[in-house]
């Protein structure tokens, strides 16, 4: 059996918040497609807020901006992942409307 490859459309957008000319928060939205849906789906990655500024709403603000962009681009879903060791991030996602939908499996290279 031969495996054939075809490049799928994808792209990404980097969101960030600056204070005093310095980046203090960021997140990425990756837009991906597959043959199961005519619309893309979004993948939220690398949400970060500088530690001294956590709890001030920056994470909520940037995640909501990513959600709005994913909706505006016609995504049928947005996926976010979080390590088990980050319960505050998981609570933020739940508060915003994400639901636990499964388990992430990965291989680090």
N, C-alpha and C. Protein backbone atom coordinates (compact mmCIF):
# COMPACT_ATOMS: atom_id res chain seq x y z
N UNK A 1 0.84 -1.18 0.00
CA UNK A 1 0.00 0.00 0.00
C UNK A 1 0.88 1.23 0.00
N UNK A 2 0.58 2.15 -0.88
CA UNK A 2 1.35 3.40 -0.98
C UNK A 2 0.58 4.52 -0.28
N UNK A 3 1.28 5.31 0.48
CA UNK A 3 0.68 6.45 1.14
C UNK A 3 0.96 7.69 0.31
N UNK A 4 -0.08 8.40 -0.05
CA UNK A 4 0.03 9.62 -0.84
C UNK A 4 -0.16 10.82 0.08
N UNK A 5 0.57 11.88 -0.20
CA UNK A 5 0.44 13.10 0.62
C UNK A 5 -0.07 14.25 -0.23
N UNK A 6 -0.84 15.11 0.43
CA UNK A 6 -1.35 16.32 -0.19
C UNK A 6 -1.31 17.41 0.87
N UNK A 7 -0.78 18.55 0.55
CA UNK A 7 -0.68 19.64 1.52
C UNK A 7 -2.08 20.19 1.80
N UNK A 8 -2.41 20.29 3.07
CA UNK A 8 -3.68 20.86 3.49
C UNK A 8 -3.49 22.35 3.80
N UNK A 9 -4.53 23.12 3.58
CA UNK A 9 -4.44 24.55 3.88
C UNK A 9 -4.37 24.76 5.38
N UNK A 10 -3.53 25.67 5.79
CA UNK A 10 -3.45 26.05 7.20
C UNK A 10 -2.79 27.42 7.28
N UNK A 11 -2.97 28.03 8.41
CA UNK A 11 -2.36 29.33 8.65
C UNK A 11 -2.50 29.67 10.12
N UNK A 12 -1.82 30.69 10.53
CA UNK A 12 -1.88 31.05 11.94
C UNK A 12 -1.87 32.55 12.16
N UNK A 13 -2.38 32.94 13.32
CA UNK A 13 -2.43 34.35 13.72
C UNK A 13 -1.88 34.44 15.14
N UNK A 14 -0.98 35.36 15.36
CA UNK A 14 -0.41 35.57 16.69
C UNK A 14 -1.08 36.78 17.32
N UNK A 15 -1.64 36.60 18.50
CA UNK A 15 -2.28 37.68 19.26
C UNK A 15 -1.35 38.03 20.41
N UNK A 16 -1.24 39.31 20.74
CA UNK A 16 -0.43 39.67 21.89
C UNK A 16 -0.89 40.98 22.49
N UNK A 17 -0.59 41.15 23.77
CA UNK A 17 -0.89 42.37 24.50
C UNK A 17 0.44 42.94 24.98
N UNK A 18 0.60 44.25 24.79
CA UNK A 18 1.82 44.92 25.24
C UNK A 18 1.48 45.94 26.33
N UNK A 19 2.41 46.08 27.23
CA UNK A 19 2.35 47.15 28.23
C UNK A 19 3.73 47.79 28.28
N UNK A 20 3.75 49.10 28.16
CA UNK A 20 5.01 49.84 28.16
C UNK A 20 5.98 49.30 27.10
N UNK A 21 5.44 48.96 25.93
CA UNK A 21 6.27 48.49 24.83
C UNK A 21 6.79 47.08 24.98
N UNK A 22 6.32 46.35 25.99
CA UNK A 22 6.78 44.97 26.24
C UNK A 22 5.60 44.01 26.17
N UNK A 23 5.80 42.90 25.50
CA UNK A 23 4.75 41.89 25.40
C UNK A 23 4.56 41.22 26.76
N UNK A 24 3.31 41.20 27.24
CA UNK A 24 3.01 40.60 28.54
C UNK A 24 2.04 39.43 28.42
N UNK A 25 1.44 39.26 27.26
CA UNK A 25 0.50 38.16 27.04
C UNK A 25 0.47 37.82 25.56
N UNK A 26 0.23 36.53 25.27
CA UNK A 26 0.15 36.11 23.87
C UNK A 26 -0.70 34.85 23.74
N UNK A 27 -1.12 34.60 22.52
CA UNK A 27 -1.82 33.36 22.17
C UNK A 27 -1.75 33.22 20.65
N UNK A 28 -1.86 32.01 20.19
CA UNK A 28 -1.85 31.73 18.76
C UNK A 28 -3.16 31.04 18.37
N UNK A 29 -3.67 31.42 17.21
CA UNK A 29 -4.79 30.72 16.59
C UNK A 29 -4.29 30.12 15.30
N UNK A 30 -4.36 28.80 15.20
CA UNK A 30 -4.02 28.11 13.96
C UNK A 30 -5.32 27.69 13.29
N UNK A 31 -5.43 27.98 12.02
CA UNK A 31 -6.60 27.63 11.23
C UNK A 31 -6.25 26.43 10.37
N UNK A 32 -7.02 25.35 10.54
CA UNK A 32 -6.72 24.10 9.87
C UNK A 32 -7.95 23.58 9.13
N UNK A 33 -7.72 22.79 8.10
CA UNK A 33 -8.82 22.22 7.33
C UNK A 33 -8.64 20.72 7.22
N UNK A 34 -9.75 20.05 6.98
CA UNK A 34 -9.71 18.62 6.66
C UNK A 34 -10.85 18.33 5.70
N UNK A 35 -10.91 17.12 5.19
CA UNK A 35 -11.92 16.77 4.19
C UNK A 35 -13.30 16.48 4.79
N UNK A 36 -13.41 16.43 6.10
CA UNK A 36 -14.69 16.12 6.74
C UNK A 36 -15.62 17.32 6.80
N UNK A 37 -15.08 18.52 6.74
CA UNK A 37 -15.87 19.75 6.86
C UNK A 37 -15.43 20.75 5.81
N UNK A 38 -16.39 21.53 5.35
CA UNK A 38 -16.05 22.57 4.39
C UNK A 38 -15.48 23.80 5.08
N UNK A 39 -15.75 23.92 6.38
CA UNK A 39 -15.24 25.04 7.17
C UNK A 39 -13.96 24.64 7.90
N UNK A 40 -13.11 25.61 8.21
CA UNK A 40 -11.90 25.29 8.97
C UNK A 40 -12.22 25.08 10.45
N UNK A 41 -11.25 24.57 11.18
CA UNK A 41 -11.34 24.54 12.64
C UNK A 41 -10.14 25.28 13.19
N UNK A 42 -10.28 25.76 14.42
CA UNK A 42 -9.21 26.51 15.04
C UNK A 42 -8.53 25.72 16.13
N UNK A 43 -7.26 25.99 16.32
CA UNK A 43 -6.49 25.39 17.40
C UNK A 43 -5.83 26.53 18.17
N UNK A 44 -6.20 26.65 19.43
CA UNK A 44 -5.66 27.68 20.33
C UNK A 44 -4.40 27.12 20.97
N UNK A 45 -3.30 27.84 20.87
CA UNK A 45 -2.02 27.32 21.34
C UNK A 45 -1.22 28.41 22.05
N UNK A 46 -0.41 28.00 22.99
CA UNK A 46 0.60 28.85 23.64
C UNK A 46 0.00 30.10 24.28
N UNK A 47 -1.09 29.92 25.03
CA UNK A 47 -1.66 31.04 25.77
C UNK A 47 -0.72 31.33 26.94
N UNK A 48 -0.31 32.59 27.06
CA UNK A 48 0.67 32.95 28.08
C UNK A 48 0.36 34.33 28.63
N UNK A 49 0.48 34.46 29.94
CA UNK A 49 0.43 35.75 30.62
C UNK A 49 1.60 35.78 31.60
N UNK A 50 2.36 36.88 31.60
CA UNK A 50 3.47 36.98 32.54
C UNK A 50 2.97 36.74 33.96
N UNK A 51 3.75 36.01 34.73
CA UNK A 51 3.31 35.59 36.06
C UNK A 51 2.83 36.71 36.97
N UNK A 52 3.53 37.85 37.08
CA UNK A 52 3.04 38.90 37.99
C UNK A 52 1.69 39.50 37.57
N UNK A 53 1.29 39.29 36.31
CA UNK A 53 0.05 39.88 35.80
C UNK A 53 -1.10 38.89 35.73
N UNK A 54 -0.86 37.66 36.13
CA UNK A 54 -1.91 36.65 36.10
C UNK A 54 -3.01 37.00 37.09
N UNK A 55 -4.23 36.68 36.72
CA UNK A 55 -5.37 36.97 37.58
C UNK A 55 -5.96 38.35 37.35
N UNK A 56 -5.45 39.09 36.37
CA UNK A 56 -5.93 40.45 36.10
C UNK A 56 -6.82 40.52 34.86
N UNK A 57 -7.14 39.37 34.27
CA UNK A 57 -8.04 39.34 33.12
C UNK A 57 -7.38 39.35 31.76
N UNK A 58 -6.05 39.38 31.71
CA UNK A 58 -5.37 39.39 30.40
C UNK A 58 -5.58 38.09 29.65
N UNK A 59 -5.53 36.97 30.36
CA UNK A 59 -5.75 35.67 29.73
C UNK A 59 -7.15 35.59 29.15
N UNK A 60 -8.13 36.01 29.93
CA UNK A 60 -9.52 36.02 29.45
C UNK A 60 -9.64 36.90 28.22
N UNK A 61 -9.05 38.06 28.26
CA UNK A 61 -9.13 39.02 27.15
C UNK A 61 -8.54 38.43 25.88
N UNK A 62 -7.39 37.81 25.97
CA UNK A 62 -6.73 37.32 24.76
C UNK A 62 -7.41 36.07 24.22
N UNK A 63 -7.90 35.20 25.12
CA UNK A 63 -8.62 34.00 24.66
C UNK A 63 -9.93 34.41 23.99
N UNK A 64 -10.62 35.38 24.55
CA UNK A 64 -11.86 35.85 23.92
C UNK A 64 -11.59 36.46 22.54
N UNK A 65 -10.46 37.12 22.38
CA UNK A 65 -10.09 37.67 21.07
C UNK A 65 -9.85 36.54 20.06
N UNK A 66 -9.21 35.47 20.51
CA UNK A 66 -8.99 34.31 19.64
C UNK A 66 -10.33 33.68 19.26
N UNK A 67 -11.23 33.52 20.23
CA UNK A 67 -12.55 32.95 19.96
C UNK A 67 -13.29 33.80 18.92
N UNK A 68 -13.28 35.10 19.10
CA UNK A 68 -13.96 36.00 18.16
C UNK A 68 -13.38 35.86 16.75
N UNK A 69 -12.06 35.76 16.66
CA UNK A 69 -11.42 35.62 15.35
C UNK A 69 -11.78 34.29 14.71
N UNK A 70 -11.78 33.22 15.50
CA UNK A 70 -12.15 31.90 14.97
C UNK A 70 -13.58 31.92 14.44
N UNK A 71 -14.49 32.55 15.17
CA UNK A 71 -15.88 32.67 14.71
C UNK A 71 -15.95 33.50 13.43
N UNK A 72 -15.23 34.61 13.40
CA UNK A 72 -15.26 35.50 12.23
C UNK A 72 -14.71 34.80 10.99
N UNK A 73 -13.82 33.86 11.18
CA UNK A 73 -13.24 33.13 10.05
C UNK A 73 -14.03 31.87 9.71
N UNK A 74 -15.16 31.68 10.37
CA UNK A 74 -16.06 30.58 10.02
C UNK A 74 -15.66 29.22 10.58
N UNK A 75 -14.86 29.19 11.61
CA UNK A 75 -14.46 27.90 12.18
C UNK A 75 -15.68 27.19 12.77
N UNK A 76 -15.74 25.87 12.59
CA UNK A 76 -16.84 25.10 13.15
C UNK A 76 -16.53 24.64 14.58
N UNK A 77 -15.27 24.73 15.00
CA UNK A 77 -14.89 24.42 16.37
C UNK A 77 -13.55 25.07 16.67
N UNK A 78 -13.27 25.20 17.96
CA UNK A 78 -11.98 25.71 18.43
C UNK A 78 -11.50 24.74 19.50
N UNK A 79 -10.30 24.25 19.33
CA UNK A 79 -9.71 23.29 20.27
C UNK A 79 -8.66 24.01 21.10
N UNK A 80 -8.69 23.77 22.40
CA UNK A 80 -7.68 24.29 23.32
C UNK A 80 -7.18 23.13 24.16
N UNK A 81 -5.91 23.10 24.45
CA UNK A 81 -5.36 22.06 25.31
C UNK A 81 -4.71 22.72 26.53
N UNK A 82 -4.55 21.92 27.57
CA UNK A 82 -3.92 22.41 28.79
C UNK A 82 -3.29 21.23 29.51
N UNK A 83 -2.11 21.44 30.04
CA UNK A 83 -1.46 20.37 30.81
C UNK A 83 -2.23 20.12 32.10
N UNK A 84 -2.13 18.89 32.60
CA UNK A 84 -2.78 18.53 33.86
C UNK A 84 -2.31 19.42 35.00
N UNK A 85 -1.10 19.91 34.91
CA UNK A 85 -0.52 20.72 36.00
C UNK A 85 -0.99 22.18 35.96
N UNK A 86 -1.90 22.53 35.09
CA UNK A 86 -2.35 23.91 34.95
C UNK A 86 -3.85 24.06 35.22
N UNK A 87 -4.31 23.76 36.43
CA UNK A 87 -5.75 23.83 36.71
C UNK A 87 -6.35 25.22 36.56
N UNK A 88 -5.57 26.27 36.80
CA UNK A 88 -6.11 27.63 36.63
C UNK A 88 -6.45 27.92 35.17
N UNK A 89 -5.62 27.40 34.26
CA UNK A 89 -5.88 27.57 32.83
C UNK A 89 -7.15 26.80 32.46
N UNK A 90 -7.29 25.61 32.98
CA UNK A 90 -8.47 24.79 32.68
C UNK A 90 -9.74 25.46 33.21
N UNK A 91 -9.67 26.05 34.37
CA UNK A 91 -10.82 26.77 34.92
C UNK A 91 -11.16 27.98 34.06
N UNK A 92 -10.14 28.69 33.58
CA UNK A 92 -10.37 29.82 32.68
C UNK A 92 -11.11 29.35 31.44
N UNK A 93 -10.63 28.28 30.81
CA UNK A 93 -11.27 27.76 29.60
C UNK A 93 -12.73 27.39 29.88
N UNK A 94 -12.99 26.72 30.99
CA UNK A 94 -14.37 26.33 31.34
C UNK A 94 -15.24 27.56 31.55
N UNK A 95 -14.71 28.56 32.24
CA UNK A 95 -15.45 29.78 32.51
C UNK A 95 -15.85 30.49 31.21
N UNK A 96 -14.98 30.42 30.22
CA UNK A 96 -15.23 31.08 28.94
C UNK A 96 -16.19 30.28 28.07
N UNK A 97 -16.34 28.98 28.34
CA UNK A 97 -17.28 28.17 27.56
C UNK A 97 -16.73 26.90 26.95
N UNK A 98 -15.44 26.64 27.10
CA UNK A 98 -14.88 25.38 26.60
C UNK A 98 -15.38 24.23 27.48
N UNK A 99 -15.50 23.05 26.89
CA UNK A 99 -15.89 21.86 27.62
C UNK A 99 -14.83 20.78 27.41
N UNK A 100 -14.59 19.99 28.44
CA UNK A 100 -13.67 18.86 28.33
C UNK A 100 -14.27 17.86 27.35
N UNK A 101 -13.56 17.60 26.28
CA UNK A 101 -14.09 16.79 25.19
C UNK A 101 -13.28 15.51 24.96
N UNK A 102 -12.17 15.35 25.64
CA UNK A 102 -11.36 14.16 25.40
C UNK A 102 -10.01 14.26 26.07
N UNK A 103 -9.09 13.49 25.57
CA UNK A 103 -7.74 13.44 26.10
C UNK A 103 -6.76 13.72 24.98
N UNK A 104 -5.75 14.50 25.28
CA UNK A 104 -4.70 14.79 24.30
C UNK A 104 -3.60 13.74 24.44
N UNK A 105 -3.20 13.18 23.33
CA UNK A 105 -2.05 12.28 23.29
C UNK A 105 -0.99 12.96 22.43
N UNK A 106 0.25 12.87 22.83
CA UNK A 106 1.28 13.52 22.03
C UNK A 106 2.60 12.77 22.16
N UNK A 107 3.45 13.04 21.19
CA UNK A 107 4.82 12.55 21.18
C UNK A 107 5.72 13.77 21.08
N UNK A 108 6.63 13.95 21.99
CA UNK A 108 7.61 15.04 21.91
C UNK A 108 8.82 14.55 21.13
N UNK A 109 9.32 15.37 20.24
CA UNK A 109 10.52 15.02 19.45
C UNK A 109 11.69 15.86 19.86
